[in-house]
N, C-alpha and C. Protein backbone atom coordinates (compact mmCIF):
# COMPACT_ATOMS: atom_id res chain seq x y z
N GLN A 1 -12.13 -18.52 -2.84
CA GLN A 1 -11.22 -17.86 -3.73
C GLN A 1 -10.38 -16.81 -2.97
N VAL A 2 -9.06 -16.90 -3.12
CA VAL A 2 -8.18 -15.95 -2.42
C VAL A 2 -8.12 -14.67 -3.21
N GLN A 3 -8.36 -13.59 -2.53
CA GLN A 3 -8.50 -12.33 -3.26
C GLN A 3 -8.10 -11.16 -2.39
N LEU A 4 -7.41 -10.18 -2.96
CA LEU A 4 -7.14 -8.87 -2.35
C LEU A 4 -7.86 -7.81 -3.12
N VAL A 5 -8.64 -6.94 -2.47
CA VAL A 5 -9.42 -5.95 -3.14
C VAL A 5 -9.08 -4.61 -2.51
N GLU A 6 -8.59 -3.66 -3.37
CA GLU A 6 -8.31 -2.33 -3.00
C GLU A 6 -9.52 -1.38 -3.19
N SER A 7 -9.66 -0.42 -2.37
CA SER A 7 -10.72 0.56 -2.53
C SER A 7 -10.28 1.87 -1.88
N GLY A 8 -11.01 2.92 -2.16
CA GLY A 8 -10.74 4.21 -1.58
C GLY A 8 -10.07 5.25 -2.48
N GLY A 9 -9.68 4.82 -3.67
CA GLY A 9 -9.07 5.74 -4.62
C GLY A 9 -10.08 6.74 -5.12
N GLY A 10 -9.56 7.74 -5.89
CA GLY A 10 -10.40 8.74 -6.43
C GLY A 10 -9.62 9.98 -6.82
N LEU A 11 -10.35 11.02 -7.14
CA LEU A 11 -9.80 12.30 -7.55
C LEU A 11 -9.75 13.23 -6.32
N VAL A 12 -8.65 13.80 -6.07
CA VAL A 12 -8.44 14.68 -4.89
C VAL A 12 -7.58 15.89 -5.34
N GLN A 13 -7.80 17.00 -4.76
CA GLN A 13 -6.97 18.20 -5.06
C GLN A 13 -5.64 18.08 -4.28
N PRO A 14 -4.62 18.77 -4.82
CA PRO A 14 -3.35 18.81 -4.12
C PRO A 14 -3.52 19.29 -2.68
N GLY A 15 -2.85 18.67 -1.75
CA GLY A 15 -3.00 18.94 -0.32
C GLY A 15 -4.08 18.15 0.35
N GLY A 16 -4.85 17.43 -0.39
CA GLY A 16 -5.99 16.66 0.17
C GLY A 16 -5.55 15.32 0.65
N SER A 17 -6.51 14.54 1.16
CA SER A 17 -6.24 13.24 1.73
C SER A 17 -7.19 12.16 1.17
N LEU A 18 -6.67 10.94 1.18
CA LEU A 18 -7.44 9.73 0.85
C LEU A 18 -6.98 8.65 1.81
N ARG A 19 -7.92 7.74 2.07
CA ARG A 19 -7.52 6.46 2.74
C ARG A 19 -7.86 5.29 1.89
N LEU A 20 -6.84 4.59 1.53
CA LEU A 20 -6.98 3.36 0.76
C LEU A 20 -7.18 2.16 1.70
N SER A 21 -7.99 1.24 1.29
CA SER A 21 -8.21 0.02 2.02
C SER A 21 -7.79 -1.19 1.17
N CYS A 22 -7.31 -2.21 1.78
CA CYS A 22 -7.00 -3.46 1.16
C CYS A 22 -7.62 -4.58 1.96
N ALA A 23 -8.66 -5.16 1.42
CA ALA A 23 -9.43 -6.16 2.13
C ALA A 23 -9.16 -7.50 1.55
N ALA A 24 -8.96 -8.48 2.37
CA ALA A 24 -8.68 -9.87 1.91
C ALA A 24 -9.93 -10.73 2.04
N SER A 25 -10.13 -11.56 1.09
CA SER A 25 -11.18 -12.58 1.16
C SER A 25 -10.63 -13.96 0.84
N GLY A 26 -11.19 -14.93 1.52
CA GLY A 26 -10.71 -16.29 1.25
C GLY A 26 -9.49 -16.71 2.05
N PHE A 27 -8.92 -15.81 2.82
CA PHE A 27 -7.79 -16.15 3.63
C PHE A 27 -7.58 -14.99 4.68
N SER A 28 -6.81 -15.31 5.66
CA SER A 28 -6.54 -14.33 6.72
C SER A 28 -5.25 -13.60 6.39
N LEU A 29 -5.25 -12.24 6.50
CA LEU A 29 -4.02 -11.47 6.31
C LEU A 29 -3.12 -11.55 7.52
N ASN A 30 -3.60 -11.94 8.62
CA ASN A 30 -2.93 -11.83 9.89
C ASN A 30 -1.45 -12.29 9.90
N PRO A 31 -1.22 -13.45 9.29
CA PRO A 31 0.23 -13.96 9.40
C PRO A 31 1.20 -13.37 8.45
N TYR A 32 0.71 -12.43 7.55
CA TYR A 32 1.54 -12.02 6.49
C TYR A 32 1.82 -10.49 6.46
N ALA A 33 3.03 -10.23 5.96
CA ALA A 33 3.35 -8.80 5.67
C ALA A 33 2.50 -8.28 4.49
N ILE A 34 2.20 -7.07 4.51
CA ILE A 34 1.47 -6.46 3.42
C ILE A 34 2.23 -5.28 2.86
N GLY A 35 2.15 -5.05 1.56
CA GLY A 35 2.85 -3.92 0.95
C GLY A 35 1.86 -3.14 0.13
N TRP A 36 2.13 -1.87 0.03
CA TRP A 36 1.40 -0.98 -0.93
C TRP A 36 2.43 -0.52 -1.97
N PHE A 37 1.92 -0.61 -3.24
CA PHE A 37 2.79 -0.18 -4.35
C PHE A 37 1.98 0.73 -5.19
N ARG A 38 2.64 1.41 -6.12
CA ARG A 38 1.96 2.25 -7.06
C ARG A 38 2.66 2.22 -8.40
N GLN A 39 1.88 2.47 -9.45
CA GLN A 39 2.39 2.51 -10.76
C GLN A 39 1.78 3.62 -11.55
N ALA A 40 2.61 4.57 -11.99
CA ALA A 40 2.17 5.72 -12.79
C ALA A 40 2.34 5.31 -14.28
N PRO A 41 1.59 5.92 -15.16
CA PRO A 41 1.75 5.63 -16.60
C PRO A 41 3.18 5.78 -17.11
N GLY A 42 3.68 4.74 -17.76
CA GLY A 42 5.00 4.80 -18.27
C GLY A 42 6.11 4.59 -17.32
N LYS A 43 5.76 4.30 -15.98
CA LYS A 43 6.82 4.05 -15.00
C LYS A 43 6.71 2.64 -14.47
N GLU A 44 7.78 2.23 -13.83
CA GLU A 44 7.77 0.95 -13.16
C GLU A 44 6.96 1.02 -11.87
N ARG A 45 6.48 -0.16 -11.45
CA ARG A 45 5.75 -0.25 -10.20
C ARG A 45 6.79 -0.02 -9.08
N GLU A 46 6.37 0.82 -8.12
CA GLU A 46 7.35 1.07 -7.01
C GLU A 46 6.67 0.85 -5.62
N GLY A 47 7.51 0.47 -4.70
CA GLY A 47 7.05 0.27 -3.33
C GLY A 47 6.75 1.55 -2.63
N VAL A 48 5.64 1.67 -1.98
CA VAL A 48 5.22 2.89 -1.22
C VAL A 48 5.37 2.70 0.23
N SER A 49 4.82 1.55 0.78
CA SER A 49 4.89 1.33 2.17
C SER A 49 4.67 -0.17 2.42
N CYS A 50 5.03 -0.67 3.60
CA CYS A 50 4.78 -2.04 3.96
C CYS A 50 4.67 -2.12 5.45
N ILE A 51 4.06 -3.23 5.92
CA ILE A 51 3.87 -3.44 7.36
C ILE A 51 4.03 -4.92 7.62
N SER A 52 4.72 -5.30 8.64
CA SER A 52 4.94 -6.66 8.99
C SER A 52 3.65 -7.29 9.59
N SER A 53 3.65 -8.58 9.78
CA SER A 53 2.45 -9.28 10.23
C SER A 53 2.03 -8.82 11.62
N ARG A 54 2.98 -8.52 12.51
CA ARG A 54 2.65 -8.18 13.85
C ARG A 54 2.89 -6.65 14.13
N GLU A 55 2.97 -5.91 13.02
CA GLU A 55 3.16 -4.47 13.10
C GLU A 55 4.46 -4.08 13.78
N THR A 56 5.40 -5.01 13.79
CA THR A 56 6.69 -4.69 14.43
C THR A 56 7.57 -3.94 13.53
N SER A 57 7.26 -3.98 12.23
CA SER A 57 8.06 -3.19 11.27
C SER A 57 7.12 -2.50 10.29
N THR A 58 7.45 -1.27 9.95
CA THR A 58 6.84 -0.58 8.83
C THR A 58 7.96 0.14 8.06
N ASN A 59 7.63 0.41 6.83
CA ASN A 59 8.66 1.01 5.99
C ASN A 59 7.89 1.93 5.01
N TYR A 60 8.59 3.04 4.61
CA TYR A 60 7.96 3.99 3.65
C TYR A 60 9.00 4.38 2.64
N ALA A 61 8.60 4.60 1.45
CA ALA A 61 9.47 5.23 0.45
C ALA A 61 9.76 6.64 0.89
N ASP A 62 10.93 7.11 0.54
CA ASP A 62 11.33 8.48 0.95
C ASP A 62 10.32 9.49 0.45
N SER A 63 9.71 9.26 -0.71
CA SER A 63 8.80 10.21 -1.31
C SER A 63 7.53 10.38 -0.57
N VAL A 64 7.21 9.45 0.33
CA VAL A 64 5.91 9.54 1.06
C VAL A 64 6.10 9.65 2.57
N LYS A 65 7.35 9.55 3.09
CA LYS A 65 7.50 9.63 4.48
C LYS A 65 7.02 10.94 5.06
N GLY A 66 6.32 10.80 6.19
CA GLY A 66 5.72 11.97 6.83
C GLY A 66 4.36 12.35 6.31
N ARG A 67 3.98 11.74 5.21
CA ARG A 67 2.64 12.02 4.59
C ARG A 67 1.72 10.82 4.59
N PHE A 68 2.25 9.65 4.39
CA PHE A 68 1.46 8.43 4.35
C PHE A 68 1.73 7.62 5.64
N THR A 69 0.62 6.92 6.00
CA THR A 69 0.70 6.01 7.19
C THR A 69 0.03 4.71 6.89
N ILE A 70 0.72 3.65 7.13
CA ILE A 70 0.10 2.34 6.90
C ILE A 70 -0.29 1.72 8.25
N SER A 71 -1.42 0.98 8.22
CA SER A 71 -1.89 0.39 9.44
C SER A 71 -2.65 -0.89 9.08
N ARG A 72 -2.93 -1.73 10.04
CA ARG A 72 -3.72 -2.88 9.75
C ARG A 72 -4.67 -3.16 10.85
N ASP A 73 -5.85 -3.73 10.46
CA ASP A 73 -6.84 -4.16 11.47
C ASP A 73 -7.08 -5.56 11.21
N ASN A 74 -6.39 -6.40 11.96
CA ASN A 74 -6.48 -7.83 11.74
C ASN A 74 -7.90 -8.38 12.01
N ALA A 75 -8.65 -7.75 12.88
CA ALA A 75 -10.01 -8.16 13.13
C ALA A 75 -10.92 -8.03 11.91
N LYS A 76 -10.54 -6.93 11.11
CA LYS A 76 -11.33 -6.72 9.88
C LYS A 76 -10.67 -7.25 8.67
N ASN A 77 -9.48 -7.88 8.92
CA ASN A 77 -8.76 -8.47 7.75
C ASN A 77 -8.48 -7.44 6.66
N THR A 78 -8.09 -6.27 7.13
CA THR A 78 -7.94 -5.12 6.21
C THR A 78 -6.67 -4.32 6.56
N VAL A 79 -6.05 -3.85 5.58
CA VAL A 79 -4.85 -2.97 5.75
C VAL A 79 -5.23 -1.64 5.10
N TYR A 80 -4.77 -0.60 5.71
CA TYR A 80 -5.07 0.78 5.27
C TYR A 80 -3.78 1.53 4.91
N LEU A 81 -4.01 2.46 3.99
CA LEU A 81 -2.93 3.48 3.65
C LEU A 81 -3.56 4.84 3.75
N GLN A 82 -3.25 5.57 4.80
CA GLN A 82 -3.74 6.93 4.92
C GLN A 82 -2.76 7.87 4.20
N MET A 83 -3.29 8.64 3.24
CA MET A 83 -2.46 9.47 2.49
C MET A 83 -2.89 10.88 2.67
N ASN A 84 -1.97 11.71 3.21
CA ASN A 84 -2.19 13.08 3.49
C ASN A 84 -1.31 13.98 2.63
N SER A 85 -1.65 15.22 2.53
CA SER A 85 -0.80 16.19 1.80
C SER A 85 -0.43 15.66 0.43
N LEU A 86 -1.41 15.19 -0.34
CA LEU A 86 -1.20 14.60 -1.55
C LEU A 86 -0.70 15.57 -2.59
N LYS A 87 0.17 15.06 -3.49
CA LYS A 87 0.81 15.85 -4.52
C LYS A 87 0.47 15.30 -5.87
N PRO A 88 0.52 16.07 -6.92
CA PRO A 88 0.25 15.53 -8.25
C PRO A 88 1.14 14.33 -8.59
N GLU A 89 2.31 14.31 -8.13
CA GLU A 89 3.22 13.23 -8.42
C GLU A 89 2.82 11.89 -7.68
N ASP A 90 1.86 11.98 -6.81
CA ASP A 90 1.29 10.77 -6.18
C ASP A 90 0.30 10.11 -7.08
N THR A 91 -0.01 10.68 -8.15
CA THR A 91 -1.08 10.10 -9.11
C THR A 91 -0.51 8.80 -9.61
N ALA A 92 -1.32 7.75 -9.52
CA ALA A 92 -0.88 6.39 -9.93
C ALA A 92 -2.02 5.42 -9.60
N VAL A 93 -1.86 4.18 -10.14
CA VAL A 93 -2.74 3.11 -9.66
C VAL A 93 -2.02 2.49 -8.49
N TYR A 94 -2.73 2.33 -7.35
CA TYR A 94 -2.19 1.79 -6.15
C TYR A 94 -2.63 0.33 -5.96
N TYR A 95 -1.64 -0.45 -5.60
CA TYR A 95 -1.92 -1.95 -5.41
C TYR A 95 -1.46 -2.33 -4.02
N CYS A 96 -2.24 -3.26 -3.41
CA CYS A 96 -1.72 -3.91 -2.25
C CYS A 96 -1.31 -5.34 -2.61
N ALA A 97 -0.40 -5.87 -1.78
CA ALA A 97 0.14 -7.17 -2.09
C ALA A 97 0.55 -7.87 -0.83
N THR A 98 0.57 -9.21 -0.94
CA THR A 98 1.06 -10.04 0.18
C THR A 98 1.61 -11.33 -0.40
N GLY A 99 1.80 -12.29 0.48
CA GLY A 99 2.32 -13.59 0.00
C GLY A 99 2.84 -14.36 1.18
N TYR A 100 3.01 -15.68 0.93
CA TYR A 100 3.43 -16.56 2.03
C TYR A 100 4.84 -16.10 2.53
N TYR A 101 5.67 -15.69 1.57
CA TYR A 101 7.03 -15.24 1.96
C TYR A 101 7.16 -13.69 1.94
N ALA A 102 6.08 -13.02 1.93
CA ALA A 102 6.13 -11.57 1.88
C ALA A 102 6.98 -11.03 2.99
N LEU A 103 7.73 -9.97 2.67
CA LEU A 103 8.72 -9.44 3.61
C LEU A 103 8.68 -7.94 3.68
N CYS A 104 8.55 -7.35 4.87
CA CYS A 104 8.65 -5.97 5.06
C CYS A 104 9.94 -5.66 5.85
N ARG A 105 10.87 -5.08 5.24
CA ARG A 105 12.13 -4.77 5.90
C ARG A 105 12.01 -3.44 6.61
N GLY A 106 12.13 -3.46 7.90
CA GLY A 106 11.94 -2.29 8.63
C GLY A 106 13.21 -1.39 8.86
N ARG A 107 14.36 -1.92 8.44
CA ARG A 107 15.62 -1.26 8.66
C ARG A 107 15.69 0.04 7.83
N ALA A 108 16.13 1.12 8.36
CA ALA A 108 16.19 2.40 7.62
C ALA A 108 16.97 2.20 6.34
N GLY A 109 16.46 2.74 5.23
CA GLY A 109 17.08 2.67 3.98
C GLY A 109 16.74 1.36 3.16
N SER A 110 15.97 0.49 3.77
CA SER A 110 15.57 -0.73 3.08
C SER A 110 14.48 -0.37 2.00
N ARG A 111 14.56 -1.05 0.90
CA ARG A 111 13.65 -0.80 -0.13
C ARG A 111 12.43 -1.78 -0.01
N ILE A 112 11.30 -1.37 -0.55
CA ILE A 112 10.09 -2.23 -0.61
C ILE A 112 10.03 -2.80 -2.00
N LEU A 113 10.28 -4.12 -2.06
CA LEU A 113 10.53 -4.77 -3.40
C LEU A 113 9.31 -5.53 -3.81
N THR A 114 8.98 -5.34 -5.13
CA THR A 114 7.87 -6.12 -5.66
C THR A 114 8.15 -7.60 -5.66
N THR A 115 9.39 -7.97 -5.72
CA THR A 115 9.78 -9.40 -5.72
C THR A 115 9.59 -10.12 -4.39
N ASP A 116 9.34 -9.36 -3.33
CA ASP A 116 9.06 -9.87 -2.05
C ASP A 116 7.58 -10.21 -1.83
N PHE A 117 6.73 -9.97 -2.85
CA PHE A 117 5.30 -10.12 -2.74
C PHE A 117 4.81 -10.88 -3.88
N SER A 118 3.85 -11.85 -3.69
CA SER A 118 3.43 -12.71 -4.78
C SER A 118 2.00 -12.66 -5.10
N SER A 119 1.16 -12.11 -4.21
CA SER A 119 -0.28 -12.06 -4.51
C SER A 119 -0.73 -10.57 -4.49
N TRP A 120 -1.42 -10.19 -5.57
CA TRP A 120 -1.70 -8.79 -5.79
C TRP A 120 -3.18 -8.54 -6.01
N GLY A 121 -3.61 -7.34 -5.60
CA GLY A 121 -4.96 -6.90 -5.89
C GLY A 121 -5.02 -6.34 -7.29
N GLN A 122 -6.18 -5.86 -7.65
CA GLN A 122 -6.41 -5.31 -9.03
C GLN A 122 -6.06 -3.86 -9.18
N GLY A 123 -5.86 -3.18 -8.04
CA GLY A 123 -5.47 -1.75 -8.03
C GLY A 123 -6.68 -0.80 -7.95
N THR A 124 -6.32 0.41 -7.44
CA THR A 124 -7.33 1.51 -7.36
C THR A 124 -6.61 2.75 -7.83
N GLN A 125 -7.26 3.53 -8.65
CA GLN A 125 -6.73 4.75 -9.22
C GLN A 125 -6.78 5.89 -8.20
N VAL A 126 -5.62 6.54 -8.05
CA VAL A 126 -5.55 7.80 -7.28
C VAL A 126 -5.10 8.91 -8.21
N THR A 127 -5.88 9.90 -8.31
CA THR A 127 -5.53 11.10 -9.15
C THR A 127 -5.50 12.34 -8.35
N VAL A 128 -4.38 13.04 -8.35
CA VAL A 128 -4.25 14.30 -7.54
C VAL A 128 -4.09 15.43 -8.59
N SER A 129 -5.11 16.23 -8.64
CA SER A 129 -5.15 17.29 -9.60
C SER A 129 -6.11 18.40 -9.20
N SER A 130 -5.83 19.57 -9.62
CA SER A 130 -6.68 20.70 -9.34
C SER A 130 -7.60 20.93 -10.54
């Protein structure tokens, strides 16, 4: 069974850090771009970061640049999102996604689009609050 599973979410104080993991089972992540998205209550799902299959491209939403770092460990079939200097506005359910045609556009100003990804995990809750 092809599956993406996110983990690492939780409750953290403003200024704190979390590292999210996205582990794949039933298939290899190696050939595919991976994206991280988030959805806060009452808001649309938005792209946070993405990484290409060979790590030649990464992209970040303006709201997380300089605070979040995406990486992948192909040997572990896992992608990570290191989140530092967390703010209350980072509170959301975080999802990882991939797909056969998944695309991470690395050009400055490019958006991370949900429509570029077809396979999704179930999400992990991140709450930033004092």
